[in-house]
Amino acid sequence: MPAKAKTASSERVIKTSVSKRGVGTITIDRPAVNNAYNRDMLLQAIEAVTKMAHDSKVRVIVIRGNGPHFQAGADLKWIRGNIELSAEENFLISMDTTNAIRGLNEVPKPTIALVHGGCFGGGTGIAAACDVVIASEDAFFAITEAKWGLMASPIYPVLLGRMAARHVRRYSITCERFGAAKAAEIGLVDEVCPVGGLDEAAAPIIESILQVSPGGIATSKQSILECADMVVDDQRARELARDHAGKRMTDEAIEGLMSFIEKRPASWYAPYVEAAAKKG
């Protein structure tokens, strides 16, 4: 696993608990912005996963979101502010993003994502980094970075580990939304359950995991990731973070982020909107 990150701020946006049966729950708790992540959340997520990885009482890790949505990717207003930082500071932020995803992917404990509502951008990476993904019928997904002039390099390894390249290509370049049934069809989701039924759907899977030896799970998981070329080493992590940070600092990204903040079409789409309006 990547080295432990610096301690995040005192405001806890990642909540954790461990049940008597050894079920560790990590709850993303920033519902006012649909659980979108900022640097505090990234650091706290790394800290929470690392702590549970080393806690012998934790047998399985469950990831879920508080509020109406699972996770909406990056907080785009925060991302826009990062553009004013130095190239080195932007690189370090992208390393945090990369380390959060690869740490979750490679943690030696079994992981289950319980997805409801929106799951966008980095949220799809969180889900894809887990061993089991259960989505309720109200869940909907999108790989949205390119829409705003950004790119999703830190999550491509885990997305490609779950979906065929053709699906990652399509949904990364169209940024289309797709529902839980489609997500299951293309491999991002393992099971779909009725709305409100996530815990019930997860219960038998957790029961099965608790019957398996912890060491057997850890060694099997590590071997599978290595055989599938899904372990991201430090050099590859730096490359992913470099590309991620570099794209964020381009004029195109600035325009895309401002279009989001100002709630207007981006410059590359505005002429088509105007033409359609004139035609109508």
C-alpha atoms as a PDB file:
ATOM      1  CA  MET A   1       0.000   0.000   0.000  1.00  0.00           C
ATOM      2  CA  PRO A   2       1.111   3.625  -0.496  1.00  0.00           C
ATOM      3  CA  ALA A   3       2.684   5.432   2.421  1.00  0.00           C
ATOM      4  CA  LYS A   4       0.312   6.892   4.959  1.00  0.00           C
ATOM      5  CA  ALA A   5      -0.781  10.435   4.118  1.00  0.00           C
ATOM      6  CA  LYS A   6      -0.448  13.466   6.344  1.00  0.00           C
ATOM      7  CA  THR A   7      -3.245  13.886   8.853  1.00  0.00           C
ATOM      8  CA  ALA A   8      -6.256  15.725   7.471  1.00  0.00           C
ATOM      9  CA  SER A   9      -8.007  18.674   9.084  1.00  0.00           C
ATOM     10  CA  SER A  10     -10.113  18.387  12.254  1.00  0.00           C
ATOM     11  CA  GLU A  11     -13.422  18.558  10.350  1.00  0.00           C
ATOM     12  CA  ARG A  12     -14.295  14.917   9.820  1.00  0.00           C
ATOM     13  CA  VAL A  13     -15.859  14.321   6.427  1.00  0.00           C
ATOM     14  CA  ILE A  14     -14.928  10.640   6.491  1.00  0.00           C
ATOM     15  CA  LYS A  15     -16.711   8.841   9.337  1.00  0.00           C
ATOM     16  CA  THR A  16     -15.653   5.362  10.483  1.00  0.00           C
ATOM     17  CA  SER A  17     -17.045   2.636  12.711  1.00  0.00           C
ATOM     18  CA  VAL A  18     -16.296  -1.014  13.425  1.00  0.00           C
ATOM     19  CA  SER A  19     -19.022  -3.462  14.446  1.00  0.00           C
ATOM     20  CA  LYS A  20     -18.565  -6.280  16.951  1.00  0.00           C
ATOM     21  CA  ARG A  21     -18.493  -8.700  14.008  1.00  0.00           C
ATOM     22  CA  GLY A  22     -15.560  -6.889  12.425  1.00  0.00           C
ATOM     23  CA  VAL A  23     -17.387  -4.928   9.736  1.00  0.00           C
ATOM     24  CA  GLY A  24     -15.561  -1.644   9.284  1.00  0.00           C
ATOM     25  CA  THR A  25     -17.695   1.072   7.699  1.00  0.00           C
ATOM     26  CA  ILE A  26     -16.270   4.147   6.000  1.00  0.00           C
ATOM     27  CA  THR A  27     -18.970   6.754   5.365  1.00  0.00           C
ATOM     28  CA  ILE A  28     -18.380   9.683   3.029  1.00  0.00           C
ATOM     29  CA  ASP A  29     -20.103  12.535   4.853  1.00  0.00           C
ATOM     30  CA  ARG A  30     -20.173  15.754   2.854  1.00  0.00           C
ATOM     31  CA  PRO A  31     -23.802  15.693   1.706  1.00  0.00           C
ATOM     32  CA  ALA A  32     -24.079  19.467   1.173  1.00  0.00           C
ATOM     33  CA  VAL A  33     -21.960  19.018  -1.985  1.00  0.00           C
ATOM     34  CA  ASN A  34     -23.176  15.491  -2.815  1.00  0.00           C
ATOM     35  CA  ASN A  35     -20.109  14.044  -1.076  1.00  0.00           C
ATOM     36  CA  ALA A  36     -17.742  15.623  -3.625  1.00  0.00           C
ATOM     37  CA  TYR A  37     -14.139  15.339  -2.512  1.00  0.00           C
ATOM     38  CA  ASN A  38     -11.589  17.978  -1.610  1.00  0.00           C
ATOM     39  CA  ARG A  39      -8.098  17.507  -0.208  1.00  0.00           C
ATOM     40  CA  ASP A  40      -9.293  17.030   3.364  1.00  0.00           C
ATOM     41  CA  MET A  41     -11.539  14.204   2.240  1.00  0.00           C
ATOM     42  CA  LEU A  42      -8.725  12.562   0.254  1.00  0.00           C
ATOM     43  CA  LEU A  43      -6.348  12.651   3.217  1.00  0.00           C
ATOM     44  CA  GLN A  44      -8.990  11.405   5.633  1.00  0.00           C
ATOM     45  CA  ALA A  45      -9.943   8.589   3.255  1.00  0.00           C
ATOM     46  CA  ILE A  46      -6.312   7.451   2.982  1.00  0.00           C
ATOM     47  CA  GLU A  47      -6.015   7.634   6.768  1.00  0.00           C
ATOM     48  CA  ALA A  48      -9.217   5.622   7.323  1.00  0.00           C
ATOM     49  CA  VAL A  49      -8.328   2.846   4.869  1.00  0.00           C
ATOM     50  CA  THR A  50      -4.775   2.603   6.242  1.00  0.00           C
ATOM     51  CA  LYS A  51      -6.045   2.382   9.822  1.00  0.00           C
ATOM     52  CA  MET A  52      -8.551  -0.363   8.965  1.00  0.00           C
ATOM     53  CA  ALA A  53      -5.894  -2.231   6.993  1.00  0.00           C
ATOM     54  CA  HIS A  54      -3.817  -2.507  10.164  1.00  0.00           C
ATOM     55  CA  ASP A  55      -6.701  -3.173  12.570  1.00  0.00           C
ATOM     56  CA  SER A  56      -6.894  -6.913  13.254  1.00  0.00           C
ATOM     57  CA  LYS A  57     -10.507  -6.522  14.421  1.00  0.00           C
ATOM     58  CA  VAL A  58     -11.602  -5.355  10.941  1.00  0.00           C
ATOM     59  CA  ARG A  59     -12.497  -8.274   8.661  1.00  0.00           C
ATOM     60  CA  VAL A  60     -14.286  -6.428   5.872  1.00  0.00           C
ATOM     61  CA  ILE A  61     -14.509  -2.763   4.828  1.00  0.00           C
ATOM     62  CA  VAL A  62     -17.779  -1.250   3.604  1.00  0.00           C
ATOM     63  CA  ILE A  63     -17.771   2.096   1.744  1.00  0.00           C
ATOM     64  CA  ARG A  64     -20.959   4.156   1.575  1.00  0.00           C
ATOM     65  CA  GLY A  65     -22.153   7.741   1.217  1.00  0.00           C
ATOM     66  CA  ASN A  66     -24.336   9.835   3.509  1.00  0.00           C
ATOM     67  CA  GLY A  67     -27.242  11.775   2.011  1.00  0.00           C
ATOM     68  CA  PRO A  68     -28.984  11.352  -1.339  1.00  0.00           C
ATOM     69  CA  HIS A  69     -25.848  10.394  -3.292  1.00  0.00           C
ATOM     70  CA  PHE A  70     -22.879   8.029  -3.001  1.00  0.00           C
ATOM     71  CA  GLN A  71     -20.129  10.334  -4.283  1.00  0.00           C
ATOM     72  CA  ALA A  72     -20.072  13.070  -6.910  1.00  0.00           C
ATOM     73  CA  GLY A  73     -16.375  13.043  -7.769  1.00  0.00           C
ATOM     74  CA  ALA A  74     -14.236  16.126  -7.219  1.00  0.00           C
ATOM     75  CA  ASP A  75     -15.569  19.373  -5.792  1.00  0.00           C
ATOM     76  CA  LEU A  76     -15.174  21.447  -8.975  1.00  0.00           C
ATOM     77  CA  LYS A  77     -15.091  24.775  -7.125  1.00  0.00           C
ATOM     78  CA  TRP A  78     -12.176  23.417  -5.087  1.00  0.00           C
ATOM     79  CA  ILE A  79     -10.523  22.150  -8.280  1.00  0.00           C
ATOM     80  CA  ARG A  80     -10.858  25.612  -9.848  1.00  0.00           C
ATOM     81  CA  GLY A  81      -9.090  27.137  -6.845  1.00  0.00           C
ATOM     82  CA  ASN A  82      -6.223  24.684  -7.194  1.00  0.00           C
ATOM     83  CA  ILE A  83      -5.341  26.090 -10.605  1.00  0.00           C
ATOM     84  CA  GLU A  84      -4.008  29.179  -8.819  1.00  0.00           C
ATOM     85  CA  LEU A  85      -1.500  26.980  -6.938  1.00  0.00           C
ATOM     86  CA  SER A  86       1.967  26.064  -8.192  1.00  0.00           C
ATOM     87  CA  ALA A  87       2.614  23.117 -10.491  1.00  0.00           C
ATOM     88  CA  GLU A  88       4.247  21.253  -7.603  1.00  0.00           C
ATOM     89  CA  GLU A  89       1.270  21.841  -5.295  1.00  0.00           C
ATOM     90  CA  ASN A  90      -1.089  20.620  -8.016  1.00  0.00           C
ATOM     91  CA  PHE A  91       1.049  17.526  -8.520  1.00  0.00           C
ATOM     92  CA  LEU A  92       0.894  16.733  -4.793  1.00  0.00           C
ATOM     93  CA  ILE A  93      -2.903  17.044  -4.832  1.00  0.00           C
ATOM     94  CA  SER A  94      -3.068  14.640  -7.766  1.00  0.00           C
ATOM     95  CA  MET A  95      -0.764  12.249  -5.879  1.00  0.00           C
ATOM     96  CA  ASP A  96      -3.269  12.313  -3.008  1.00  0.00           C
ATOM     97  CA  THR A  97      -6.021  11.401  -5.463  1.00  0.00           C
ATOM     98  CA  THR A  98      -3.945   8.608  -6.974  1.00  0.00           C
ATOM     99  CA  ASN A  99      -2.896   7.253  -3.578  1.00  0.00           C
ATOM    100  CA  ALA A 100      -6.475   7.279  -2.271  1.00  0.00           C
ATOM    101  CA  ILE A 101      -7.619   5.083  -5.168  1.00  0.00           C
ATOM    102  CA  ARG A 102      -4.649   2.703  -5.264  1.00  0.00           C
ATOM    103  CA  GLY A 103      -4.687   2.373  -1.484  1.00  0.00           C
ATOM    104  CA  LEU A 104      -8.330   1.298  -1.562  1.00  0.00           C
ATOM    105  CA  ASN A 105      -7.672  -1.012  -4.490  1.00  0.00           C
ATOM    106  CA  GLU A 106      -4.728  -2.738  -2.821  1.00  0.00           C
ATOM    107  CA  VAL A 107      -5.852  -2.844   0.827  1.00  0.00           C
ATOM    108  CA  PRO A 108      -5.462  -6.489   2.004  1.00  0.00           C
ATOM    109  CA  LYS A 109      -8.979  -6.564   3.457  1.00  0.00           C
ATOM    110  CA  PRO A 110     -12.090  -7.320   1.363  1.00  0.00           C
ATOM    111  CA  THR A 111     -13.994  -4.179   0.367  1.00  0.00           C
ATOM    112  CA  ILE A 112     -17.626  -3.610  -0.551  1.00  0.00           C
ATOM    113  CA  ALA A 113     -19.049  -0.423  -2.096  1.00  0.00           C
ATOM    114  CA  LEU A 114     -22.733   0.286  -1.445  1.00  0.00           C
ATOM    115  CA  VAL A 115     -23.824   2.764  -4.104  1.00  0.00           C
ATOM    116  CA  HIS A 116     -27.031   4.784  -4.182  1.00  0.00           C
ATOM    117  CA  GLY A 117     -27.952   7.945  -6.056  1.00  0.00           C
ATOM    118  CA  GLY A 118     -25.227   9.682  -8.039  1.00  0.00           C
ATOM    119  CA  CYS A 119     -21.789   8.171  -8.529  1.00  0.00           C
ATOM    120  CA  PHE A 120     -19.712  10.455 -10.757  1.00  0.00           C
ATOM    121  CA  GLY A 121     -16.082  10.877 -11.753  1.00  0.00           C
ATOM    122  CA  GLY A 122     -13.881   9.854  -8.851  1.00  0.00           C
ATOM    123  CA  GLY A 123     -16.904   8.173  -7.287  1.00  0.00           C
ATOM    124  CA  THR A 124     -16.817   5.589 -10.072  1.00  0.00           C
ATOM    125  CA  GLY A 125     -13.149   5.100  -9.199  1.00  0.00           C
ATOM    126  CA  ILE A 126     -13.980   4.497  -5.539  1.00  0.00           C
ATOM    127  CA  ALA A 127     -16.553   1.893  -6.529  1.00  0.00           C
ATOM    128  CA  ALA A 128     -14.282   0.243  -9.093  1.00  0.00           C
ATOM    129  CA  ALA A 129     -11.468  -0.008  -6.548  1.00  0.00           C
ATOM    130  CA  CYS A 130     -13.625  -2.210  -4.313  1.00  0.00           C
ATOM    131  CA  ASP A 131     -13.833  -6.014  -4.493  1.00  0.00           C
ATOM    132  CA  VAL A 132     -17.631  -6.054  -4.562  1.00  0.00           C
ATOM    133  CA  VAL A 133     -19.950  -3.291  -5.807  1.00  0.00           C
ATOM    134  CA  ILE A 134     -23.657  -3.329  -4.972  1.00  0.00           C
ATOM    135  CA  ALA A 135     -25.883  -0.601  -6.374  1.00  0.00           C
ATOM    136  CA  SER A 136     -29.500   0.162  -5.647  1.00  0.00           C
ATOM    137  CA  GLU A 137     -31.878   0.665  -8.553  1.00  0.00           C
ATOM    138  CA  ASP A 138     -31.788   4.440  -8.094  1.00  0.00           C
ATOM    139  CA  ALA A 139     -28.026   4.633  -8.677  1.00  0.00           C
ATOM    140  CA  PHE A 140     -26.673   6.399 -11.748  1.00  0.00           C
ATOM    141  CA  PHE A 141     -23.121   6.782 -12.968  1.00  0.00           C
ATOM    142  CA  ALA A 142     -20.947   8.988 -15.177  1.00  0.00           C
ATOM    143  CA  ILE A 143     -17.225   9.423 -15.817  1.00  0.00           C
ATOM    144  CA  THR A 144     -17.452  13.200 -16.089  1.00  0.00           C
ATOM    145  CA  GLU A 145     -13.924  14.645 -16.009  1.00  0.00           C
ATOM    146  CA  ALA A 146     -13.522  15.328 -19.747  1.00  0.00           C
ATOM    147  CA  LYS A 147     -16.754  17.340 -19.785  1.00  0.00           C
ATOM    148  CA  TRP A 148     -14.988  20.003 -17.726  1.00  0.00           C
ATOM    149  CA  GLY A 149     -11.672  19.904 -19.591  1.00  0.00           C
ATOM    150  CA  LEU A 150     -10.099  17.517 -17.072  1.00  0.00           C
ATOM    151  CA  MET A 151      -8.976  13.874 -17.198  1.00  0.00           C
ATOM    152  CA  ALA A 152      -9.432  10.849 -14.935  1.00  0.00           C
ATOM    153  CA  SER A 153      -6.018   9.148 -15.072  1.00  0.00           C
ATOM    154  CA  PRO A 154      -5.883   8.167 -11.343  1.00  0.00           C
ATOM    155  CA  ILE A 155      -9.014   6.016 -11.736  1.00  0.00           C
ATOM    156  CA  TYR A 156      -8.357   4.501 -15.174  1.00  0.00           C
ATOM    157  CA  PRO A 157      -6.442   1.472 -13.787  1.00  0.00           C
ATOM    158  CA  VAL A 158      -9.338   0.388 -11.555  1.00  0.00           C
ATOM    159  CA  LEU A 159     -12.002   1.191 -14.153  1.00  0.00           C
ATOM    160  CA  LEU A 160     -10.123  -0.932 -16.690  1.00  0.00           C
ATOM    161  CA  GLY A 161      -9.872  -3.682 -14.078  1.00  0.00           C
ATOM    162  CA  ARG A 162     -13.673  -3.840 -13.964  1.00  0.00           C
ATOM    163  CA  MET A 163     -14.812  -2.845 -17.428  1.00  0.00           C
ATOM    164  CA  ALA A 164     -13.569  -3.649 -20.907  1.00  0.00           C
ATOM    165  CA  ALA A 165     -11.548  -0.840 -22.445  1.00  0.00           C
ATOM    166  CA  ARG A 166     -14.331  -0.167 -24.944  1.00  0.00           C
ATOM    167  CA  HIS A 167     -16.696   0.777 -22.121  1.00  0.00           C
ATOM    168  CA  VAL A 168     -14.152   2.988 -20.350  1.00  0.00           C
ATOM    169  CA  ARG A 169     -13.442   4.670 -23.691  1.00  0.00           C
ATOM    170  CA  ARG A 170     -17.095   5.316 -24.470  1.00  0.00           C
ATOM    171  CA  TYR A 171     -18.158   6.652 -21.105  1.00  0.00           C
ATOM    172  CA  SER A 172     -14.978   8.693 -20.577  1.00  0.00           C
ATOM    173  CA  ILE A 173     -15.342  10.527 -23.895  1.00  0.00           C
ATOM    174  CA  THR A 174     -19.130  10.964 -23.911  1.00  0.00           C
ATOM    175  CA  CYS A 175     -19.560  11.576 -20.153  1.00  0.00           C
ATOM    176  CA  GLU A 176     -23.031  10.017 -20.547  1.00  0.00           C
ATOM    177  CA  ARG A 177     -25.014   9.036 -17.508  1.00  0.00           C
ATOM    178  CA  PHE A 178     -25.999   5.394 -17.201  1.00  0.00           C
ATOM    179  CA  GLY A 179     -28.118   3.544 -14.672  1.00  0.00           C
ATOM    180  CA  ALA A 180     -27.472   0.667 -12.312  1.00  0.00           C
ATOM    181  CA  ALA A 181     -28.658  -1.980 -14.773  1.00  0.00           C
ATOM    182  CA  LYS A 182     -26.251  -0.747 -17.436  1.00  0.00           C
ATOM    183  CA  ALA A 183     -23.458  -0.532 -14.867  1.00  0.00           C
ATOM    184  CA  ALA A 184     -24.051  -4.195 -14.031  1.00  0.00           C
ATOM    185  CA  GLU A 185     -24.145  -5.143 -17.715  1.00  0.00           C
ATOM    186  CA  ILE A 186     -20.720  -3.596 -18.401  1.00  0.00           C
ATOM    187  CA  GLY A 187     -19.089  -4.859 -15.197  1.00  0.00           C
ATOM    188  CA  LEU A 188     -18.831  -1.776 -13.001  1.00  0.00           C
ATOM    189  CA  VAL A 189     -21.477  -3.160 -10.624  1.00  0.00           C
ATOM    190  CA  ASP A 190     -21.772  -6.743  -9.359  1.00  0.00           C
ATOM    191  CA  GLU A 191     -25.329  -6.707  -8.023  1.00  0.00           C
ATOM    192  CA  VAL A 192     -28.362  -4.439  -8.258  1.00  0.00           C
ATOM    193  CA  CYS A 193     -30.880  -4.347  -5.425  1.00  0.00           C
ATOM    194  CA  PRO A 194     -34.148  -2.505  -4.695  1.00  0.00           C
ATOM    195  CA  VAL A 195     -33.937   1.038  -3.357  1.00  0.00           C
ATOM    196  CA  GLY A 196     -33.257   0.869   0.370  1.00  0.00           C
ATOM    197  CA  GLY A 197     -31.995  -2.714   0.119  1.00  0.00           C
ATOM    198  CA  LEU A 198     -28.228  -2.200   0.116  1.00  0.00           C
ATOM    199  CA  ASP A 199     -27.611  -3.590   3.599  1.00  0.00           C
ATOM    200  CA  GLU A 200     -29.835  -6.578   2.971  1.00  0.00           C
ATOM    201  CA  ALA A 201     -28.029  -7.317  -0.288  1.00  0.00           C
ATOM    202  CA  ALA A 202     -24.624  -6.980   1.373  1.00  0.00           C
ATOM    203  CA  ALA A 203     -25.442  -9.203   4.378  1.00  0.00           C
ATOM    204  CA  PRO A 204     -24.910 -12.644   2.730  1.00  0.00           C
ATOM    205  CA  ILE A 205     -21.712 -11.440   1.049  1.00  0.00           C
ATOM    206  CA  ILE A 206     -20.346 -10.222   4.379  1.00  0.00           C
ATOM    207  CA  GLU A 207     -21.348 -13.533   5.981  1.00  0.00           C
ATOM    208  CA  SER A 208     -19.428 -15.434   3.310  1.00  0.00           C
ATOM    209  CA  ILE A 209     -16.351 -13.243   3.825  1.00  0.00           C
ATOM    210  CA  LEU A 210     -16.387 -13.791   7.594  1.00  0.00           C
ATOM    211  CA  GLN A 211     -16.146 -17.548   6.971  1.00  0.00           C
ATOM    212  CA  VAL A 212     -12.914 -17.150   4.991  1.00  0.00           C
ATOM    213  CA  SER A 213      -9.474 -16.903   6.603  1.00  0.00           C
ATOM    214  CA  PRO A 214      -8.119 -13.318   6.681  1.00  0.00           C
ATOM    215  CA  GLY A 215      -4.708 -14.454   5.478  1.00  0.00           C
ATOM    216  CA  GLY A 216      -6.241 -16.440   2.653  1.00  0.00           C
ATOM    217  CA  ILE A 217      -8.156 -13.364   1.515  1.00  0.00           C
ATOM    218  CA  ALA A 218      -5.105 -11.086   1.702  1.00  0.00           C
ATOM    219  CA  THR A 219      -2.766 -13.364  -0.241  1.00  0.00           C
ATOM    220  CA  SER A 220      -5.414 -14.260  -2.821  1.00  0.00           C
ATOM    221  CA  LYS A 221      -6.298 -10.625  -3.398  1.00  0.00           C
ATOM    222  CA  GLN A 222      -2.642  -9.607  -3.784  1.00  0.00           C
ATOM    223  CA  SER A 223      -1.955 -12.417  -6.248  1.00  0.00           C
ATOM    224  CA  ILE A 224      -5.050 -11.604  -8.314  1.00  0.00           C
ATOM    225  CA  LEU A 225      -4.114  -7.920  -8.546  1.00  0.00           C
ATOM    226  CA  GLU A 226      -0.570  -8.802  -9.584  1.00  0.00           C
ATOM    227  CA  CYS A 227      -1.719 -11.329 -12.190  1.00  0.00           C
ATOM    228  CA  ALA A 228      -4.158  -8.765 -13.610  1.00  0.00           C
ATOM    229  CA  ASP A 229      -1.451  -6.034 -13.663  1.00  0.00           C
ATOM    230  CA  MET A 230      -3.629  -3.922 -11.367  1.00  0.00           C
ATOM    231  CA  VAL A 231      -0.944  -3.013  -8.818  1.00  0.00           C
ATOM    232  CA  VAL A 232       0.154   0.596  -9.364  1.00  0.00           C
ATOM    233  CA  ASP A 233       3.777   1.081  -8.308  1.00  0.00           C
ATOM    234  CA  ASP A 234       5.240   4.408  -7.189  1.00  0.00           C
ATOM    235  CA  GLN A 235       6.606   5.308 -10.626  1.00  0.00           C
ATOM    236  CA  ARG A 236       3.284   4.633 -12.358  1.00  0.00           C
ATOM    237  CA  ALA A 237       1.451   6.556  -9.623  1.00  0.00           C
ATOM    238  CA  ARG A 238       3.650   9.598 -10.269  1.00  0.00           C
ATOM    239  CA  GLU A 239       2.963   9.352 -14.008  1.00  0.00           C
ATOM    240  CA  LEU A 240      -0.797   9.202 -13.441  1.00  0.00           C
ATOM    241  CA  ALA A 241      -0.649  12.144 -11.034  1.00  0.00           C
ATOM    242  CA  ARG A 242       1.556  14.183 -13.386  1.00  0.00           C
ATOM    243  CA  ASP A 243      -0.905  13.771 -16.266  1.00  0.00           C
ATOM    244  CA  HIS A 244      -3.863  14.498 -13.968  1.00  0.00           C
ATOM    245  CA  ALA A 245      -2.320  17.691 -12.559  1.00  0.00           C
ATOM    246  CA  GLY A 246      -1.024  18.892 -15.918  1.00  0.00           C
ATOM    247  CA  LYS A 247      -4.427  18.704 -17.590  1.00  0.00           C
ATOM    248  CA  ARG A 248      -6.029  20.572 -14.691  1.00  0.00           C
ATOM    249  CA  MET A 249      -3.746  23.570 -15.280  1.00  0.00           C
ATOM    250  CA  THR A 250      -4.598  24.065 -18.977  1.00  0.00           C
ATOM    251  CA  ASP A 251      -6.695  26.892 -20.417  1.00  0.00           C
ATOM    252  CA  GLU A 252      -9.261  24.311 -21.514  1.00  0.00           C
ATOM    253  CA  ALA A 253      -9.709  23.082 -17.942  1.00  0.00           C
ATOM    254  CA  ILE A 254     -10.052  26.650 -16.667  1.00  0.00           C
ATOM    255  CA  GLU A 255     -12.800  27.288 -19.216  1.00  0.00           C
ATOM    256  CA  GLY A 256     -14.563  24.022 -18.394  1.00  0.00           C
ATOM    257  CA  LEU A 257     -14.513  24.668 -14.661  1.00  0.00           C
ATOM    258  CA  MET A 258     -15.694  28.258 -15.087  1.00  0.00           C
ATOM    259  CA  SER A 259     -18.575  27.041 -17.257  1.00  0.00           C
ATOM    260  CA  PHE A 260     -19.618  24.785 -14.380  1.00  0.00           C
ATOM    261  CA  ILE A 261     -19.334  27.552 -11.794  1.00  0.00           C
ATOM    262  CA  GLU A 262     -21.125  30.095 -13.997  1.00  0.00           C
ATOM    263  CA  LYS A 263     -23.729  27.522 -15.097  1.00  0.00           C
ATOM    264  CA  ARG A 264     -23.245  28.147 -18.812  1.00  0.00           C
ATOM    265  CA  PRO A 265     -22.192  26.080 -21.824  1.00  0.00           C
ATOM    266  CA  ALA A 266     -18.421  25.749 -22.245  1.00  0.00           C
ATOM    267  CA  SER A 267     -16.850  27.523 -25.220  1.00  0.00           C
ATOM    268  CA  TRP A 268     -16.529  24.286 -27.191  1.00  0.00           C
ATOM    269  CA  TYR A 269     -20.283  23.680 -26.929  1.00  0.00           C
ATOM    270  CA  ALA A 270     -21.751  27.185 -26.845  1.00  0.00           C
ATOM    271  CA  PRO A 271     -21.809  27.657 -30.679  1.00  0.00           C
ATOM    272  CA  TYR A 272     -23.970  24.544 -31.041  1.00  0.00           C
ATOM    273  CA  VAL A 273     -26.349  25.778 -28.353  1.00  0.00           C
ATOM    274  CA  GLU A 274     -26.616  29.156 -30.074  1.00  0.00           C
ATOM    275  CA  ALA A 275     -27.171  27.551 -33.492  1.00  0.00           C
ATOM    276  CA  ALA A 276     -29.903  25.328 -32.112  1.00  0.00           C
ATOM    277  CA  ALA A 277     -31.567  28.341 -30.471  1.00  0.00           C
ATOM    278  CA  LYS A 278     -31.543  30.287 -33.757  1.00  0.00           C
ATOM    279  CA  LYS A 279     -32.888  27.310 -35.640  1.00  0.00           C
ATOM    280  CA  GLY A 280     -35.681  26.855 -33.105  1.00  0.00           C
END
